[in-house]
């Protein structure tokens, strides 16, 4: 998993110590990008800590976000309530 240190992509993007990676879309500061292909159900790690699981296959260079991962720790209804959404 890679974490953007500023706005990057789409297209070939330099990756520190790894050459470059083709980003499929623009991502902004703090957002995650798959450094390699990720299988459905695979645990997602950020800064060495597990943050959830992939709900679909995620290709290398793809944005990793709420549309393709789920929290294994905080139920969705709790996230909706804290965001001011309907519960």
N, C-alpha and C. Protein backbone atom coordinates (compact mmCIF):
# COMPACT_ATOMS: atom_id res chain seq x y z
N UNK A 1 0.84 -1.16 0.00
CA UNK A 1 0.00 0.00 0.00
C UNK A 1 0.89 1.23 0.00
N UNK A 2 0.55 2.18 -0.83
CA UNK A 2 1.25 3.45 -0.88
C UNK A 2 0.30 4.55 -0.41
N UNK A 3 0.84 5.57 0.21
CA UNK A 3 0.04 6.70 0.67
C UNK A 3 0.56 7.95 -0.01
N UNK A 4 -0.34 8.68 -0.65
CA UNK A 4 0.03 9.89 -1.38
C UNK A 4 0.50 10.99 -0.42
N UNK A 5 1.62 11.62 -0.76
CA UNK A 5 2.13 12.73 0.06
C UNK A 5 1.71 14.09 -0.51
N UNK A 6 0.86 14.03 -1.52
CA UNK A 6 0.32 15.22 -2.17
C UNK A 6 -0.50 14.76 -3.36
N UNK A 7 -1.08 15.67 -4.13
CA UNK A 7 -1.85 15.28 -5.30
C UNK A 7 -0.96 14.58 -6.33
N UNK A 8 -1.37 13.42 -6.81
CA UNK A 8 -0.60 12.65 -7.80
C UNK A 8 -1.54 11.98 -8.80
N UNK A 9 -0.98 11.63 -9.97
CA UNK A 9 -1.72 10.88 -10.99
C UNK A 9 -2.71 11.75 -11.73
N UNK A 10 -3.38 11.19 -12.68
CA UNK A 10 -3.22 9.83 -13.18
C UNK A 10 -1.98 9.71 -14.07
N UNK A 11 -1.61 8.47 -14.37
CA UNK A 11 -0.49 8.20 -15.25
C UNK A 11 0.73 7.75 -14.49
N UNK A 12 1.88 7.67 -15.18
CA UNK A 12 3.11 7.24 -14.53
C UNK A 12 3.49 8.20 -13.41
N UNK A 13 3.74 7.65 -12.23
CA UNK A 13 4.02 8.47 -11.06
C UNK A 13 5.25 7.91 -10.34
N UNK A 14 6.24 8.75 -10.05
CA UNK A 14 7.42 8.27 -9.33
C UNK A 14 7.05 7.76 -7.94
N UNK A 15 7.66 6.65 -7.55
CA UNK A 15 7.44 6.07 -6.23
C UNK A 15 8.81 5.94 -5.57
N UNK A 16 8.98 6.54 -4.43
CA UNK A 16 10.27 6.54 -3.73
C UNK A 16 10.80 5.12 -3.54
N UNK A 17 12.00 4.89 -4.06
CA UNK A 17 12.64 3.60 -3.90
C UNK A 17 12.10 2.48 -4.75
N UNK A 18 11.12 2.76 -5.64
CA UNK A 18 10.49 1.70 -6.42
C UNK A 18 10.39 2.02 -7.91
N UNK A 19 10.90 3.13 -8.36
CA UNK A 19 10.73 3.50 -9.76
C UNK A 19 9.46 4.30 -9.95
N UNK A 20 8.52 3.74 -10.73
CA UNK A 20 7.26 4.44 -10.92
C UNK A 20 6.11 3.44 -10.97
N UNK A 21 4.91 3.95 -10.83
CA UNK A 21 3.69 3.15 -10.86
C UNK A 21 2.67 3.92 -11.68
N UNK A 22 1.92 3.23 -12.53
CA UNK A 22 0.89 3.88 -13.33
C UNK A 22 -0.38 4.01 -12.48
N UNK A 23 -0.69 5.26 -12.07
CA UNK A 23 -1.90 5.51 -11.29
C UNK A 23 -3.09 5.62 -12.23
N UNK A 24 -4.17 4.99 -11.87
CA UNK A 24 -5.36 4.95 -12.72
C UNK A 24 -6.24 6.19 -12.59
N UNK A 25 -6.05 6.95 -11.50
CA UNK A 25 -6.84 8.16 -11.27
C UNK A 25 -6.02 9.11 -10.40
N UNK A 26 -6.45 10.35 -10.32
CA UNK A 26 -5.81 11.32 -9.44
C UNK A 26 -6.19 10.98 -7.99
N UNK A 27 -5.21 11.05 -7.10
CA UNK A 27 -5.47 10.89 -5.67
C UNK A 27 -4.82 12.07 -4.95
N UNK A 28 -5.32 12.36 -3.78
CA UNK A 28 -4.84 13.52 -3.03
C UNK A 28 -4.15 13.08 -1.74
N UNK A 29 -3.58 14.03 -1.06
CA UNK A 29 -2.82 13.84 0.17
C UNK A 29 -3.50 12.84 1.11
N UNK A 30 -2.74 11.83 1.53
CA UNK A 30 -3.22 10.87 2.52
C UNK A 30 -4.01 9.71 1.97
N UNK A 31 -4.37 9.78 0.68
CA UNK A 31 -5.15 8.68 0.10
C UNK A 31 -4.24 7.52 -0.26
N UNK A 32 -4.84 6.32 -0.29
CA UNK A 32 -4.09 5.10 -0.52
C UNK A 32 -4.18 4.65 -1.97
N UNK A 33 -3.08 4.03 -2.44
CA UNK A 33 -3.00 3.46 -3.78
C UNK A 33 -2.40 2.06 -3.64
N UNK A 34 -2.95 1.11 -4.38
CA UNK A 34 -2.42 -0.25 -4.34
C UNK A 34 -1.06 -0.30 -5.03
N UNK A 35 -0.04 -0.78 -4.33
CA UNK A 35 1.30 -0.92 -4.89
C UNK A 35 1.39 -2.19 -5.73
N UNK A 36 0.47 -3.12 -5.49
CA UNK A 36 0.39 -4.39 -6.21
C UNK A 36 -1.06 -4.81 -6.27
N UNK A 37 -1.36 -5.82 -7.05
CA UNK A 37 -2.73 -6.33 -7.11
C UNK A 37 -3.13 -6.85 -5.73
N UNK A 38 -4.36 -6.57 -5.33
CA UNK A 38 -4.90 -6.99 -4.03
C UNK A 38 -6.14 -7.84 -4.30
N UNK A 39 -6.22 -9.01 -3.67
CA UNK A 39 -7.34 -9.92 -3.87
C UNK A 39 -8.52 -9.55 -2.98
N UNK A 40 -9.72 -9.89 -3.42
CA UNK A 40 -10.93 -9.70 -2.61
C UNK A 40 -10.73 -10.42 -1.27
N UNK A 41 -11.05 -9.74 -0.18
CA UNK A 41 -10.93 -10.32 1.15
C UNK A 41 -9.58 -10.11 1.81
N UNK A 42 -8.59 -9.66 1.03
CA UNK A 42 -7.25 -9.46 1.59
C UNK A 42 -7.26 -8.29 2.57
N UNK A 43 -6.50 -8.43 3.64
CA UNK A 43 -6.41 -7.37 4.65
C UNK A 43 -5.66 -6.17 4.07
N UNK A 44 -6.17 -4.97 4.33
CA UNK A 44 -5.56 -3.73 3.87
C UNK A 44 -4.79 -3.12 5.05
N UNK A 45 -3.53 -2.79 4.80
CA UNK A 45 -2.67 -2.21 5.82
C UNK A 45 -2.32 -0.78 5.45
N UNK A 46 -2.28 0.11 6.44
CA UNK A 46 -1.84 1.49 6.25
C UNK A 46 -0.90 1.82 7.41
N UNK A 47 0.30 2.25 7.08
CA UNK A 47 1.33 2.53 8.08
C UNK A 47 1.57 1.32 8.99
N UNK A 48 1.48 0.11 8.43
CA UNK A 48 1.75 -1.11 9.18
C UNK A 48 0.61 -1.61 10.05
N UNK A 49 -0.52 -0.92 10.04
CA UNK A 49 -1.66 -1.34 10.85
C UNK A 49 -2.82 -1.75 9.94
N UNK A 50 -3.55 -2.82 10.30
CA UNK A 50 -4.69 -3.23 9.48
C UNK A 50 -5.83 -2.22 9.61
N UNK A 51 -6.43 -1.85 8.47
CA UNK A 51 -7.54 -0.89 8.50
C UNK A 51 -8.82 -1.46 7.92
N UNK A 52 -8.76 -2.65 7.33
CA UNK A 52 -9.95 -3.25 6.76
C UNK A 52 -9.60 -4.33 5.77
N UNK A 53 -10.59 -4.70 4.95
CA UNK A 53 -10.42 -5.75 3.95
C UNK A 53 -10.95 -5.29 2.60
N UNK A 54 -10.35 -5.82 1.55
CA UNK A 54 -10.79 -5.50 0.19
C UNK A 54 -12.14 -6.15 -0.09
N UNK A 55 -13.07 -5.38 -0.62
CA UNK A 55 -14.39 -5.91 -0.97
C UNK A 55 -14.46 -6.32 -2.43
N UNK A 56 -13.40 -6.03 -3.17
CA UNK A 56 -13.29 -6.37 -4.59
C UNK A 56 -11.82 -6.48 -4.92
N UNK A 57 -11.50 -7.05 -6.07
CA UNK A 57 -10.11 -7.07 -6.50
C UNK A 57 -9.68 -5.64 -6.80
N UNK A 58 -8.47 -5.29 -6.37
CA UNK A 58 -7.93 -3.95 -6.56
C UNK A 58 -6.63 -4.10 -7.36
N UNK A 59 -6.56 -3.46 -8.49
CA UNK A 59 -5.38 -3.55 -9.35
C UNK A 59 -4.29 -2.60 -8.86
N UNK A 60 -3.04 -2.97 -9.13
CA UNK A 60 -1.92 -2.08 -8.82
C UNK A 60 -2.16 -0.72 -9.47
N UNK A 61 -1.95 0.35 -8.72
CA UNK A 61 -2.15 1.70 -9.22
C UNK A 61 -3.56 2.24 -9.02
N UNK A 62 -4.45 1.40 -8.48
CA UNK A 62 -5.84 1.83 -8.26
C UNK A 62 -6.00 2.48 -6.89
N UNK A 63 -6.88 3.48 -6.81
CA UNK A 63 -7.21 4.16 -5.56
C UNK A 63 -7.85 3.13 -4.62
N UNK A 64 -7.41 3.10 -3.39
CA UNK A 64 -7.96 2.20 -2.38
C UNK A 64 -8.78 3.07 -1.44
N UNK A 65 -10.10 2.88 -1.46
CA UNK A 65 -10.98 3.79 -0.72
C UNK A 65 -12.26 3.05 -0.33
N UNK A 66 -13.24 3.76 0.17
CA UNK A 66 -14.47 3.15 0.69
C UNK A 66 -15.26 2.36 -0.35
N UNK A 67 -15.01 2.60 -1.64
CA UNK A 67 -15.75 1.85 -2.66
C UNK A 67 -15.16 0.46 -2.90
N UNK A 68 -13.94 0.18 -2.37
CA UNK A 68 -13.37 -1.15 -2.58
C UNK A 68 -12.74 -1.76 -1.32
N UNK A 69 -12.95 -1.12 -0.17
CA UNK A 69 -12.57 -1.73 1.11
C UNK A 69 -13.69 -1.50 2.12
N UNK A 70 -13.66 -2.32 3.18
CA UNK A 70 -14.60 -2.12 4.29
C UNK A 70 -13.81 -2.21 5.58
N UNK A 71 -14.24 -1.47 6.57
CA UNK A 71 -13.61 -1.54 7.87
C UNK A 71 -13.96 -2.87 8.52
N UNK A 72 -12.99 -3.51 9.11
CA UNK A 72 -13.24 -4.72 9.88
C UNK A 72 -13.46 -4.38 11.35
N UNK A 73 -13.43 -3.09 11.67
CA UNK A 73 -13.43 -2.67 13.06
C UNK A 73 -14.58 -1.75 13.43
N UNK A 74 -15.03 -0.90 12.51
CA UNK A 74 -16.11 0.04 12.80
C UNK A 74 -17.27 -0.25 11.87
N UNK A 75 -18.44 -0.62 12.43
CA UNK A 75 -19.60 -0.89 11.57
C UNK A 75 -19.98 0.34 10.75
N UNK A 76 -20.46 0.11 9.54
CA UNK A 76 -20.83 1.20 8.64
C UNK A 76 -21.85 2.13 9.28
N UNK A 77 -22.82 1.58 10.04
CA UNK A 77 -23.84 2.45 10.62
C UNK A 77 -23.21 3.43 11.62
N UNK A 78 -22.13 3.06 12.27
CA UNK A 78 -21.45 3.98 13.19
C UNK A 78 -20.74 5.07 12.41
N UNK A 79 -20.15 4.73 11.26
CA UNK A 79 -19.50 5.74 10.44
C UNK A 79 -20.52 6.73 9.90
N UNK A 80 -21.69 6.23 9.46
CA UNK A 80 -22.74 7.11 8.95
C UNK A 80 -23.21 8.08 10.02
N UNK A 81 -23.35 7.61 11.26
CA UNK A 81 -23.83 8.46 12.34
C UNK A 81 -22.83 9.57 12.66
N UNK A 82 -21.54 9.26 12.63
CA UNK A 82 -20.55 10.28 12.95
C UNK A 82 -20.38 11.27 11.82
N UNK A 83 -20.74 10.87 10.60
CA UNK A 83 -20.63 11.76 9.45
C UNK A 83 -21.88 12.62 9.29
N UNK A 84 -22.86 12.42 10.15
CA UNK A 84 -24.09 13.21 10.06
C UNK A 84 -25.10 12.64 9.10
N UNK A 85 -24.86 11.42 8.64
CA UNK A 85 -25.79 10.76 7.72
C UNK A 85 -26.98 10.19 8.44
N UNK A 86 -27.94 9.73 7.69
CA UNK A 86 -29.11 9.09 8.28
C UNK A 86 -28.72 7.73 8.82
N UNK A 87 -29.32 7.35 9.93
CA UNK A 87 -29.04 6.02 10.47
C UNK A 87 -30.31 5.25 10.72
